[in-house]
Amino acid sequence: MEIGLLLPAGQAQLQAGGSAAALVDMAVNAERTGFDSVWVGDSLSRARVEPLTLLTAVAQATEHITLGTAALIPAYRNPAHAAVTISSLDLISGGRVVLGVGAGFPGFSEQEFELVGVHFKTRFSQLDDTVTLWRELWTGNPSSFHGKVLHYDWLPEVPRPARAGGPPVWLAGITPAALSRAGRLYDGWLPYPPDVADYAQGLATIREVAGARPVTPALFATVFVDDDAERGRKALDEYCRATYARPLDVIGRIQVMLTGEDLLTRLGQFAAAGAEHVLLRIAAVDPALVAEQLAKVAELVPVLRRTLGTEGP
């Protein structure tokens, strides 16, 4: 079982006094304290430090920790140029990149897609085409590409990534269509369902579709470490309102949110359902509280690794 940390690079944290330099320092500390990976999110409507830029700085400051996106929205970038950027990041990091990718979220992302000139209705085909193009550019020198929505009669040469074939690409999402696509096209799965049974069923579907092809099962979980469940839920609610302008009662029906004694128990259940890489997002905005929570989460890392490792299949 591997444990990852999402770097708090969003608008709410920046407005509360966070900084890009502090995020790099946090990644260095995460490597030192035993985390297996650090991750950065992506958005245009909510200001944040651009993920590939931040991970380039983190790559230069760290030695072995995995660098991930959770989740990158490829539609926001020119597909061919993004292939160059990602390959360059992989070279700088020595092959440590993992790309969690998504196609946006209804009710949140429409205006972002309009801004970049990508049709929201064809976002899934756009994503699949982009990932297919990346892989072709990373493994060869295709002269053209014609997918469902992307069509290029000329393509540039791209530097080969450090990792043969390019970084693994994990798909976010748990709809039936996303599960099918994850099984057919992607190297991993990075959802955040609040229900363990939904996770188990989703993974079973992916494995049925994938057959012998390996797909890494991961989990994105938002946590607040506190023995007092009521106080922890209050912190989760404040985080949801600051980040999504919606209460915990709404976001908690979409994403897994954990606190209190339930935190370890629920993560153990997800591990038993098949999760092999758990990415933790700390539910805090104020930098001082983030630092306090990070210390508590770091103390839990060896406990989590023992618990999740022994309870997994």
C-alpha atoms as a PDB file:
ATOM      1  CA  MET A   1       0.000   0.000   0.000  1.00  0.00           C
ATOM      2  CA  GLU A   2       1.292   3.434  -0.960  1.00  0.00           C
ATOM      3  CA  ILE A   3       0.274   6.706   0.696  1.00  0.00           C
ATOM      4  CA  GLY A   4       0.204  10.052  -1.121  1.00  0.00           C
ATOM      5  CA  LEU A   5      -0.359  13.676  -0.121  1.00  0.00           C
ATOM      6  CA  LEU A   6      -2.198  16.366  -2.087  1.00  0.00           C
ATOM      7  CA  LEU A   7      -0.334  19.680  -1.918  1.00  0.00           C
ATOM      8  CA  PRO A   8      -2.753  22.510  -0.909  1.00  0.00           C
ATOM      9  CA  ALA A   9      -2.187  24.713  -3.962  1.00  0.00           C
ATOM     10  CA  GLY A  10      -5.725  26.026  -4.432  1.00  0.00           C
ATOM     11  CA  GLN A  11      -7.221  29.494  -4.234  1.00  0.00           C
ATOM     12  CA  ALA A  12      -8.537  29.117  -0.694  1.00  0.00           C
ATOM     13  CA  GLN A  13      -5.100  28.171   0.655  1.00  0.00           C
ATOM     14  CA  LEU A  14      -3.328  30.904  -1.304  1.00  0.00           C
ATOM     15  CA  GLN A  15      -5.746  33.556  -0.063  1.00  0.00           C
ATOM     16  CA  ALA A  16      -5.198  32.323   3.493  1.00  0.00           C
ATOM     17  CA  GLY A  17      -1.465  33.016   3.220  1.00  0.00           C
ATOM     18  CA  GLY A  18      -0.050  29.947   1.493  1.00  0.00           C
ATOM     19  CA  SER A  19       2.797  30.267  -1.012  1.00  0.00           C
ATOM     20  CA  ALA A  20       4.369  28.329  -3.856  1.00  0.00           C
ATOM     21  CA  ALA A  21       7.683  28.112  -1.983  1.00  0.00           C
ATOM     22  CA  ALA A  22       5.913  26.614   1.030  1.00  0.00           C
ATOM     23  CA  LEU A  23       4.326  23.979  -1.214  1.00  0.00           C
ATOM     24  CA  VAL A  24       7.753  22.867  -2.431  1.00  0.00           C
ATOM     25  CA  ASP A  25       8.960  22.715   1.172  1.00  0.00           C
ATOM     26  CA  MET A  26       5.894  20.630   2.056  1.00  0.00           C
ATOM     27  CA  ALA A  27       6.736  18.161  -0.702  1.00  0.00           C
ATOM     28  CA  VAL A  28      10.306  17.870   0.600  1.00  0.00           C
ATOM     29  CA  ASN A  29       8.924  17.259   4.097  1.00  0.00           C
ATOM     30  CA  ALA A  30       6.493  14.657   2.743  1.00  0.00           C
ATOM     31  CA  GLU A  31       9.377  12.755   1.171  1.00  0.00           C
ATOM     32  CA  ARG A  32      11.373  12.967   4.409  1.00  0.00           C
ATOM     33  CA  THR A  33       8.469  11.762   6.585  1.00  0.00           C
ATOM     34  CA  GLY A  34       7.639   8.698   4.515  1.00  0.00           C
ATOM     35  CA  PHE A  35       4.932   9.603   2.003  1.00  0.00           C
ATOM     36  CA  ASP A  36       5.220   7.721  -1.283  1.00  0.00           C
ATOM     37  CA  SER A  37       3.843  10.483  -3.504  1.00  0.00           C
ATOM     38  CA  VAL A  38       2.751  14.131  -3.700  1.00  0.00           C
ATOM     39  CA  TRP A  39      -0.028  15.389  -5.962  1.00  0.00           C
ATOM     40  CA  VAL A  40      -1.373  18.670  -7.339  1.00  0.00           C
ATOM     41  CA  GLY A  41      -4.851  19.521  -8.630  1.00  0.00           C
ATOM     42  CA  ASP A  42      -5.879  21.523 -11.694  1.00  0.00           C
ATOM     43  CA  SER A  43      -8.466  24.249 -12.313  1.00  0.00           C
ATOM     44  CA  LEU A  44      -9.099  27.414 -14.299  1.00  0.00           C
ATOM     45  CA  SER A  45     -12.184  28.750 -12.514  1.00  0.00           C
ATOM     46  CA  ARG A  46     -10.560  28.526  -9.062  1.00  0.00           C
ATOM     47  CA  ALA A  47      -7.079  30.052  -8.991  1.00  0.00           C
ATOM     48  CA  ARG A  48      -4.261  27.681  -8.108  1.00  0.00           C
ATOM     49  CA  VAL A  49      -0.588  27.150  -8.786  1.00  0.00           C
ATOM     50  CA  GLU A  50      -0.341  25.457 -12.184  1.00  0.00           C
ATOM     51  CA  PRO A  51       0.311  21.751 -11.471  1.00  0.00           C
ATOM     52  CA  LEU A  52       2.977  20.884 -14.053  1.00  0.00           C
ATOM     53  CA  THR A  53       4.945  24.012 -13.172  1.00  0.00           C
ATOM     54  CA  LEU A  54       4.755  23.265  -9.445  1.00  0.00           C
ATOM     55  CA  LEU A  55       5.741  19.630  -9.946  1.00  0.00           C
ATOM     56  CA  THR A  56       8.793  20.729 -11.939  1.00  0.00           C
ATOM     57  CA  ALA A  57       9.973  22.723  -8.910  1.00  0.00           C
ATOM     58  CA  VAL A  58       9.172  19.779  -6.632  1.00  0.00           C
ATOM     59  CA  ALA A  59      11.102  17.422  -8.925  1.00  0.00           C
ATOM     60  CA  GLN A  60      14.234  19.521  -8.508  1.00  0.00           C
ATOM     61  CA  ALA A  61      13.860  19.668  -4.718  1.00  0.00           C
ATOM     62  CA  THR A  62      13.183  15.969  -4.105  1.00  0.00           C
ATOM     63  CA  GLU A  63      14.924  12.695  -4.907  1.00  0.00           C
ATOM     64  CA  HIS A  64      12.595   9.722  -5.054  1.00  0.00           C
ATOM     65  CA  ILE A  65       8.992  10.622  -4.206  1.00  0.00           C
ATOM     66  CA  THR A  66       6.408  10.064  -6.969  1.00  0.00           C
ATOM     67  CA  LEU A  67       4.951  13.244  -8.519  1.00  0.00           C
ATOM     68  CA  GLY A  68       1.307  13.160  -9.549  1.00  0.00           C
ATOM     69  CA  THR A  69      -1.625  15.209 -10.812  1.00  0.00           C
ATOM     70  CA  ALA A  70      -5.024  14.755  -9.184  1.00  0.00           C
ATOM     71  CA  ALA A  71      -6.441  15.427 -11.502  1.00  0.00           C
ATOM     72  CA  LEU A  72      -5.015  17.173 -14.552  1.00  0.00           C
ATOM     73  CA  ILE A  73      -7.612  18.386 -17.068  1.00  0.00           C
ATOM     74  CA  PRO A  74      -5.781  17.873 -20.392  1.00  0.00           C
ATOM     75  CA  ALA A  75      -8.407  19.862 -22.323  1.00  0.00           C
ATOM     76  CA  TYR A  76      -7.032  23.076 -20.832  1.00  0.00           C
ATOM     77  CA  ARG A  77      -3.765  22.639 -22.762  1.00  0.00           C
ATOM     78  CA  ASN A  78      -2.787  22.181 -26.397  1.00  0.00           C
ATOM     79  CA  PRO A  79      -2.439  18.362 -26.646  1.00  0.00           C
ATOM     80  CA  ALA A  80       0.860  18.273 -28.561  1.00  0.00           C
ATOM     81  CA  HIS A  81       2.505  20.973 -26.483  1.00  0.00           C
ATOM     82  CA  ALA A  82       1.311  19.269 -23.287  1.00  0.00           C
ATOM     83  CA  ALA A  83       3.057  16.091 -24.441  1.00  0.00           C
ATOM     84  CA  VAL A  84       6.307  18.069 -24.634  1.00  0.00           C
ATOM     85  CA  THR A  85       5.758  19.637 -21.198  1.00  0.00           C
ATOM     86  CA  ILE A  86       4.927  16.331 -19.509  1.00  0.00           C
ATOM     87  CA  SER A  87       7.822  14.531 -21.164  1.00  0.00           C
ATOM     88  CA  SER A  88      10.147  17.316 -19.997  1.00  0.00           C
ATOM     89  CA  LEU A  89       8.814  17.025 -16.435  1.00  0.00           C
ATOM     90  CA  ASP A  90       9.363  13.278 -16.522  1.00  0.00           C
ATOM     91  CA  LEU A  91      12.944  13.800 -17.695  1.00  0.00           C
ATOM     92  CA  ILE A  92      13.644  16.383 -14.978  1.00  0.00           C
ATOM     93  CA  SER A  93      12.187  14.091 -12.308  1.00  0.00           C
ATOM     94  CA  GLY A  94      13.980  10.979 -13.533  1.00  0.00           C
ATOM     95  CA  GLY A  95      10.785   9.145 -14.444  1.00  0.00           C
ATOM     96  CA  ARG A  96       8.745   9.821 -11.298  1.00  0.00           C
ATOM     97  CA  VAL A  97       5.559  11.236 -12.874  1.00  0.00           C
ATOM     98  CA  VAL A  98       2.065   9.732 -12.666  1.00  0.00           C
ATOM     99  CA  LEU A  99      -0.763  11.563 -14.421  1.00  0.00           C
ATOM    100  CA  GLY A 100      -4.193  11.445 -12.866  1.00  0.00           C
ATOM    101  CA  VAL A 101      -6.508  12.904 -15.521  1.00  0.00           C
ATOM    102  CA  GLY A 102     -10.142  13.898 -15.750  1.00  0.00           C
ATOM    103  CA  ALA A 103     -12.680  15.499 -18.046  1.00  0.00           C
ATOM    104  CA  GLY A 104     -14.160  18.070 -15.715  1.00  0.00           C
ATOM    105  CA  PHE A 105     -17.306  17.958 -13.604  1.00  0.00           C
ATOM    106  CA  PRO A 106     -20.845  18.972 -14.685  1.00  0.00           C
ATOM    107  CA  GLY A 107     -21.944  22.139 -12.949  1.00  0.00           C
ATOM    108  CA  PHE A 108     -18.346  23.200 -12.282  1.00  0.00           C
ATOM    109  CA  SER A 109     -16.323  22.984 -15.495  1.00  0.00           C
ATOM    110  CA  GLU A 110     -18.493  24.169 -18.379  1.00  0.00           C
ATOM    111  CA  GLN A 111     -17.173  27.735 -18.408  1.00  0.00           C
ATOM    112  CA  GLU A 112     -13.589  26.476 -18.275  1.00  0.00           C
ATOM    113  CA  PHE A 113     -14.092  24.343 -21.377  1.00  0.00           C
ATOM    114  CA  GLU A 114     -15.772  27.256 -23.154  1.00  0.00           C
ATOM    115  CA  LEU A 115     -12.755  29.431 -22.331  1.00  0.00           C
ATOM    116  CA  VAL A 116     -10.293  27.006 -23.965  1.00  0.00           C
ATOM    117  CA  GLY A 117     -12.552  26.301 -26.957  1.00  0.00           C
ATOM    118  CA  VAL A 118     -13.322  22.651 -26.175  1.00  0.00           C
ATOM    119  CA  HIS A 119     -16.901  21.376 -26.421  1.00  0.00           C
ATOM    120  CA  PHE A 120     -18.021  20.109 -23.023  1.00  0.00           C
ATOM    121  CA  LYS A 121     -20.263  17.489 -24.624  1.00  0.00           C
ATOM    122  CA  THR A 122     -17.281  15.853 -26.346  1.00  0.00           C
ATOM    123  CA  ARG A 123     -14.940  16.117 -23.338  1.00  0.00           C
ATOM    124  CA  PHE A 124     -14.529  12.365 -22.898  1.00  0.00           C
ATOM    125  CA  SER A 125     -13.539  11.808 -26.529  1.00  0.00           C
ATOM    126  CA  GLN A 126     -11.213  14.808 -26.221  1.00  0.00           C
ATOM    127  CA  LEU A 127      -9.563  13.230 -23.168  1.00  0.00           C
ATOM    128  CA  ASP A 128      -9.174   9.781 -24.702  1.00  0.00           C
ATOM    129  CA  ASP A 129      -7.805  11.233 -27.941  1.00  0.00           C
ATOM    130  CA  THR A 130      -5.322  13.377 -26.010  1.00  0.00           C
ATOM    131  CA  VAL A 131      -3.972  10.475 -23.955  1.00  0.00           C
ATOM    132  CA  THR A 132      -3.698   8.297 -27.074  1.00  0.00           C
ATOM    133  CA  LEU A 133      -1.825  11.096 -28.857  1.00  0.00           C
ATOM    134  CA  TRP A 134       0.526  11.551 -25.895  1.00  0.00           C
ATOM    135  CA  ARG A 135       1.438   7.892 -25.916  1.00  0.00           C
ATOM    136  CA  GLU A 136       2.120   7.930 -29.641  1.00  0.00           C
ATOM    137  CA  LEU A 137       4.313  11.022 -29.308  1.00  0.00           C
ATOM    138  CA  TRP A 138       6.169   9.556 -26.321  1.00  0.00           C
ATOM    139  CA  THR A 139       6.956   6.263 -28.063  1.00  0.00           C
ATOM    140  CA  GLY A 140       7.563   7.305 -31.664  1.00  0.00           C
ATOM    141  CA  ASN A 141       7.427  10.093 -34.209  1.00  0.00           C
ATOM    142  CA  PRO A 142       3.948   9.976 -35.750  1.00  0.00           C
ATOM    143  CA  SER A 143       3.538  12.261 -38.744  1.00  0.00           C
ATOM    144  CA  SER A 144      -0.205  12.707 -38.173  1.00  0.00           C
ATOM    145  CA  PHE A 145      -3.040  11.818 -35.802  1.00  0.00           C
ATOM    146  CA  HIS A 146      -6.747  11.395 -36.437  1.00  0.00           C
ATOM    147  CA  GLY A 147      -8.984  10.493 -33.508  1.00  0.00           C
ATOM    148  CA  LYS A 148     -12.635  11.112 -32.749  1.00  0.00           C
ATOM    149  CA  VAL A 149     -12.186  14.843 -32.157  1.00  0.00           C
ATOM    150  CA  LEU A 150      -8.474  15.570 -32.557  1.00  0.00           C
ATOM    151  CA  HIS A 151      -7.064  15.746 -36.090  1.00  0.00           C
ATOM    152  CA  TYR A 152      -3.489  16.739 -36.940  1.00  0.00           C
ATOM    153  CA  ASP A 153      -1.810  16.375 -40.333  1.00  0.00           C
ATOM    154  CA  TRP A 154       1.542  17.408 -38.846  1.00  0.00           C
ATOM    155  CA  LEU A 155       3.037  16.734 -35.421  1.00  0.00           C
ATOM    156  CA  PRO A 156       6.287  17.807 -33.755  1.00  0.00           C
ATOM    157  CA  GLU A 157       8.938  15.489 -32.439  1.00  0.00           C
ATOM    158  CA  VAL A 158       8.742  15.123 -28.658  1.00  0.00           C
ATOM    159  CA  PRO A 159      11.658  14.256 -26.348  1.00  0.00           C
ATOM    160  CA  ARG A 160      11.317  10.714 -25.046  1.00  0.00           C
ATOM    161  CA  PRO A 161      10.266  10.621 -21.376  1.00  0.00           C
ATOM    162  CA  ALA A 162      12.594   9.070 -18.811  1.00  0.00           C
ATOM    163  CA  ARG A 163      10.098   6.257 -18.241  1.00  0.00           C
ATOM    164  CA  ALA A 164       9.732   4.001 -21.253  1.00  0.00           C
ATOM    165  CA  GLY A 165       6.363   4.611 -22.867  1.00  0.00           C
ATOM    166  CA  GLY A 166       5.787   7.747 -20.838  1.00  0.00           C
ATOM    167  CA  PRO A 167       4.191   8.360 -17.435  1.00  0.00           C
ATOM    168  CA  PRO A 168       1.325   6.087 -16.348  1.00  0.00           C
ATOM    169  CA  VAL A 169      -2.060   7.742 -16.844  1.00  0.00           C
ATOM    170  CA  TRP A 170      -4.783   7.148 -14.251  1.00  0.00           C
ATOM    171  CA  LEU A 171      -8.415   8.051 -14.924  1.00  0.00           C
ATOM    172  CA  ALA A 172     -10.634   9.808 -12.397  1.00  0.00           C
ATOM    173  CA  GLY A 173     -14.342   8.993 -12.378  1.00  0.00           C
ATOM    174  CA  ILE A 174     -16.761   6.256 -11.395  1.00  0.00           C
ATOM    175  CA  THR A 175     -19.610   6.490 -13.921  1.00  0.00           C
ATOM    176  CA  PRO A 176     -20.254   3.311 -15.951  1.00  0.00           C
ATOM    177  CA  ALA A 177     -18.656   4.952 -18.988  1.00  0.00           C
ATOM    178  CA  ALA A 178     -15.586   5.973 -16.965  1.00  0.00           C
ATOM    179  CA  LEU A 179     -15.173   2.437 -15.594  1.00  0.00           C
ATOM    180  CA  SER A 180     -15.284   0.973 -19.097  1.00  0.00           C
ATOM    181  CA  ARG A 181     -12.768   3.502 -20.409  1.00  0.00           C
ATOM    182  CA  ALA A 182     -10.464   2.962 -17.425  1.00  0.00           C
ATOM    183  CA  GLY A 183     -10.438  -0.762 -18.134  1.00  0.00           C
ATOM    184  CA  ARG A 184      -9.795  -0.322 -21.847  1.00  0.00           C
ATOM    185  CA  LEU A 185      -7.423   2.619 -22.071  1.00  0.00           C
ATOM    186  CA  TYR A 186      -5.857   3.699 -18.776  1.00  0.00           C
ATOM    187  CA  ASP A 187      -3.065   2.530 -16.471  1.00  0.00           C
ATOM    188  CA  GLY A 188      -4.822   3.321 -13.209  1.00  0.00           C
ATOM    189  CA  TRP A 189      -8.052   4.441 -11.564  1.00  0.00           C
ATOM    190  CA  LEU A 190      -8.285   7.405  -9.162  1.00  0.00           C
ATOM    191  CA  PRO A 191     -11.877   7.909  -7.920  1.00  0.00           C
ATOM    192  CA  TYR A 192     -13.249   9.331  -4.635  1.00  0.00           C
ATOM    193  CA  PRO A 193     -16.556   7.532  -3.978  1.00  0.00           C
ATOM    194  CA  PRO A 194     -17.905   7.787  -0.417  1.00  0.00           C
ATOM    195  CA  ASP A 195     -19.329   4.252  -0.548  1.00  0.00           C
ATOM    196  CA  VAL A 196     -16.911   1.321  -0.247  1.00  0.00           C
ATOM    197  CA  ALA A 197     -19.327  -0.993  -2.053  1.00  0.00           C
ATOM    198  CA  ASP A 198     -19.384   1.349  -5.040  1.00  0.00           C
ATOM    199  CA  TYR A 199     -15.585   1.308  -5.102  1.00  0.00           C
ATOM    200  CA  ALA A 200     -15.465  -2.498  -4.963  1.00  0.00           C
ATOM    201  CA  GLN A 201     -18.042  -2.846  -7.734  1.00  0.00           C
ATOM    202  CA  GLY A 202     -16.302  -0.245  -9.861  1.00  0.00           C
ATOM    203  CA  LEU A 203     -12.956  -2.001  -9.534  1.00  0.00           C
ATOM    204  CA  ALA A 204     -14.553  -5.350 -10.400  1.00  0.00           C
ATOM    205  CA  THR A 205     -15.966  -3.805 -13.578  1.00  0.00           C
ATOM    206  CA  ILE A 206     -12.603  -2.322 -14.530  1.00  0.00           C
ATOM    207  CA  ARG A 207     -10.805  -5.622 -14.013  1.00  0.00           C
ATOM    208  CA  GLU A 208     -13.414  -7.462 -16.065  1.00  0.00           C
ATOM    209  CA  VAL A 209     -12.947  -5.030 -18.940  1.00  0.00           C
ATOM    210  CA  ALA A 210      -9.145  -4.888 -18.616  1.00  0.00           C
ATOM    211  CA  GLY A 211      -8.637  -8.649 -18.516  1.00  0.00           C
ATOM    212  CA  ALA A 212      -4.940  -9.383 -18.078  1.00  0.00           C
ATOM    213  CA  ARG A 213      -3.924  -5.747 -18.551  1.00  0.00           C
ATOM    214  CA  PRO A 214      -2.918  -4.263 -15.153  1.00  0.00           C
ATOM    215  CA  VAL A 215      -4.794  -1.194 -13.883  1.00  0.00           C
ATOM    216  CA  THR A 216      -3.589   0.363 -10.598  1.00  0.00           C
ATOM    217  CA  PRO A 217      -6.523   0.905  -8.188  1.00  0.00           C
ATOM    218  CA  ALA A 218      -6.123   4.130  -6.184  1.00  0.00           C
ATOM    219  CA  LEU A 219      -8.350   6.284  -3.970  1.00  0.00           C
ATOM    220  CA  PHE A 220      -8.614  10.058  -3.409  1.00  0.00           C
ATOM    221  CA  ALA A 221      -9.712  10.706   0.200  1.00  0.00           C
ATOM    222  CA  THR A 222     -10.175  13.989   2.074  1.00  0.00           C
ATOM    223  CA  VAL A 223      -9.241  13.717   5.757  1.00  0.00           C
ATOM    224  CA  PHE A 224      -9.129  15.716   8.979  1.00  0.00           C
ATOM    225  CA  VAL A 225      -7.313  13.980  11.820  1.00  0.00           C
ATOM    226  CA  ASP A 226      -9.219  14.503  15.076  1.00  0.00           C
ATOM    227  CA  ASP A 227     -10.378  12.015  17.715  1.00  0.00           C
ATOM    228  CA  ASP A 228     -13.519  14.115  18.197  1.00  0.00           C
ATOM    229  CA  ALA A 229     -15.774  13.146  15.262  1.00  0.00           C
ATOM    230  CA  GLU A 230     -18.089  16.135  15.742  1.00  0.00           C
ATOM    231  CA  ARG A 231     -15.190  18.586  15.697  1.00  0.00           C
ATOM    232  CA  GLY A 232     -13.724  16.785  12.698  1.00  0.00           C
ATOM    233  CA  ARG A 233     -16.988  16.989  10.762  1.00  0.00           C
ATOM    234  CA  LYS A 234     -17.150  20.707  11.500  1.00  0.00           C
ATOM    235  CA  ALA A 235     -13.661  21.096  10.018  1.00  0.00           C
ATOM    236  CA  LEU A 236     -14.677  19.054   6.964  1.00  0.00           C
ATOM    237  CA  ASP A 237     -17.762  21.226   6.514  1.00  0.00           C
ATOM    238  CA  GLU A 238     -15.711  24.434   6.708  1.00  0.00           C
ATOM    239  CA  TYR A 239     -13.301  23.035   4.132  1.00  0.00           C
ATOM    240  CA  CYS A 240     -16.099  22.080   1.733  1.00  0.00           C
ATOM    241  CA  ARG A 241     -17.632  25.547   1.987  1.00  0.00           C
ATOM    242  CA  ALA A 242     -14.256  27.249   1.429  1.00  0.00           C
ATOM    243  CA  THR A 243     -13.298  25.018  -1.489  1.00  0.00           C
ATOM    244  CA  TYR A 244     -16.610  24.281  -3.232  1.00  0.00           C
ATOM    245  CA  ALA A 245     -19.031  26.824  -1.733  1.00  0.00           C
ATOM    246  CA  ARG A 246     -21.147  23.845  -0.702  1.00  0.00           C
ATOM    247  CA  PRO A 247     -21.643  22.146   2.688  1.00  0.00           C
ATOM    248  CA  LEU A 248     -20.320  18.749   3.747  1.00  0.00           C
ATOM    249  CA  ASP A 249     -23.830  17.286   3.441  1.00  0.00           C
ATOM    250  CA  VAL A 250     -23.598  17.906  -0.328  1.00  0.00           C
ATOM    251  CA  ILE A 251     -19.920  17.186  -1.036  1.00  0.00           C
ATOM    252  CA  GLY A 252     -19.916  14.178   1.292  1.00  0.00           C
ATOM    253  CA  ARG A 253     -22.411  12.459  -0.999  1.00  0.00           C
ATOM    254  CA  ILE A 254     -19.932  12.823  -3.876  1.00  0.00           C
ATOM    255  CA  GLN A 255     -16.503  12.448  -2.282  1.00  0.00           C
ATOM    256  CA  VAL A 256     -15.151  10.328   0.566  1.00  0.00           C
ATOM    257  CA  MET A 257     -14.600  12.573   3.617  1.00  0.00           C
ATOM    258  CA  LEU A 258     -13.063  11.014   6.721  1.00  0.00           C
ATOM    259  CA  THR A 259     -12.412  12.052  10.313  1.00  0.00           C
ATOM    260  CA  GLY A 260     -12.542  10.700  13.862  1.00  0.00           C
ATOM    261  CA  GLU A 261     -12.030   7.039  14.672  1.00  0.00           C
ATOM    262  CA  ASP A 262     -13.816   6.241  11.418  1.00  0.00           C
ATOM    263  CA  LEU A 263     -10.797   7.431   9.394  1.00  0.00           C
ATOM    264  CA  LEU A 264      -8.606   4.364   9.818  1.00  0.00           C
ATOM    265  CA  THR A 265     -11.557   1.976   9.716  1.00  0.00           C
ATOM    266  CA  ARG A 266     -12.919   3.324   6.436  1.00  0.00           C
ATOM    267  CA  LEU A 267      -9.511   3.435   4.752  1.00  0.00           C
ATOM    268  CA  GLY A 268      -9.023  -0.165   5.815  1.00  0.00           C
ATOM    269  CA  GLN A 269     -12.319  -1.049   4.167  1.00  0.00           C
ATOM    270  CA  PHE A 270     -11.261   0.624   0.919  1.00  0.00           C
ATOM    271  CA  ALA A 271      -7.969  -1.292   1.071  1.00  0.00           C
ATOM    272  CA  ALA A 272      -9.881  -4.535   1.566  1.00  0.00           C
ATOM    273  CA  ALA A 273     -11.960  -3.560  -1.489  1.00  0.00           C
ATOM    274  CA  GLY A 274      -8.754  -3.354  -3.538  1.00  0.00           C
ATOM    275  CA  ALA A 275      -7.271   0.154  -3.207  1.00  0.00           C
ATOM    276  CA  GLU A 276      -3.486   0.020  -3.536  1.00  0.00           C
ATOM    277  CA  HIS A 277      -2.578   3.708  -3.471  1.00  0.00           C
ATOM    278  CA  VAL A 278      -4.398   6.130  -1.148  1.00  0.00           C
ATOM    279  CA  LEU A 279      -4.038   9.829  -1.867  1.00  0.00           C
ATOM    280  CA  LEU A 280      -4.851  11.996   1.165  1.00  0.00           C
ATOM    281  CA  ARG A 281      -6.097  15.585   0.925  1.00  0.00           C
ATOM    282  CA  ILE A 282      -5.985  17.510   4.201  1.00  0.00           C
ATOM    283  CA  ALA A 283      -9.259  19.344   4.866  1.00  0.00           C
ATOM    284  CA  ALA A 284      -7.726  22.638   5.963  1.00  0.00           C
ATOM    285  CA  VAL A 285      -7.162  26.053   4.409  1.00  0.00           C
ATOM    286  CA  ASP A 286      -5.181  28.087   6.941  1.00  0.00           C
ATOM    287  CA  PRO A 287      -1.438  27.326   6.521  1.00  0.00           C
ATOM    288  CA  ALA A 288      -0.935  26.885  10.276  1.00  0.00           C
ATOM    289  CA  LEU A 289      -3.758  24.339  10.468  1.00  0.00           C
ATOM    290  CA  VAL A 290      -2.478  22.598   7.349  1.00  0.00           C
ATOM    291  CA  ALA A 291       0.941  22.256   8.991  1.00  0.00           C
ATOM    292  CA  GLU A 292      -0.626  20.934  12.197  1.00  0.00           C
ATOM    293  CA  GLN A 293      -2.707  18.413  10.276  1.00  0.00           C
ATOM    294  CA  LEU A 294       0.246  17.385   8.103  1.00  0.00           C
ATOM    295  CA  ALA A 295       2.225  16.473  11.212  1.00  0.00           C
ATOM    296  CA  LYS A 296      -0.690  14.338  12.431  1.00  0.00           C
ATOM    297  CA  VAL A 297      -1.151  12.674   9.047  1.00  0.00           C
ATOM    298  CA  ALA A 298       2.605  11.995   8.824  1.00  0.00           C
ATOM    299  CA  GLU A 299       2.406  10.224  12.189  1.00  0.00           C
ATOM    300  CA  LEU A 300      -0.374   8.066  10.760  1.00  0.00           C
ATOM    301  CA  VAL A 301       1.533   7.080   7.598  1.00  0.00           C
ATOM    302  CA  PRO A 302       3.326   4.038   9.096  1.00  0.00           C
ATOM    303  CA  VAL A 303       0.112   3.030  10.872  1.00  0.00           C
ATOM    304  CA  LEU A 304      -1.847   3.381   7.642  1.00  0.00           C
ATOM    305  CA  ARG A 305       0.727   1.421   5.690  1.00  0.00           C
ATOM    306  CA  ARG A 306       0.646  -1.437   8.206  1.00  0.00           C
ATOM    307  CA  THR A 307      -3.139  -1.399   8.499  1.00  0.00           C
ATOM    308  CA  LEU A 308      -3.939  -1.018   4.816  1.00  0.00           C
ATOM    309  CA  GLY A 309      -1.184  -3.364   3.741  1.00  0.00           C
ATOM    310  CA  THR A 310      -2.376  -6.186   5.959  1.00  0.00           C
ATOM    311  CA  GLU A 311      -6.088  -5.682   5.289  1.00  0.00           C
ATOM    312  CA  GLY A 312      -5.801  -5.434   1.535  1.00  0.00           C
ATOM    313  CA  PRO A 313      -6.405  -8.507  -0.653  1.00  0.00           C
END
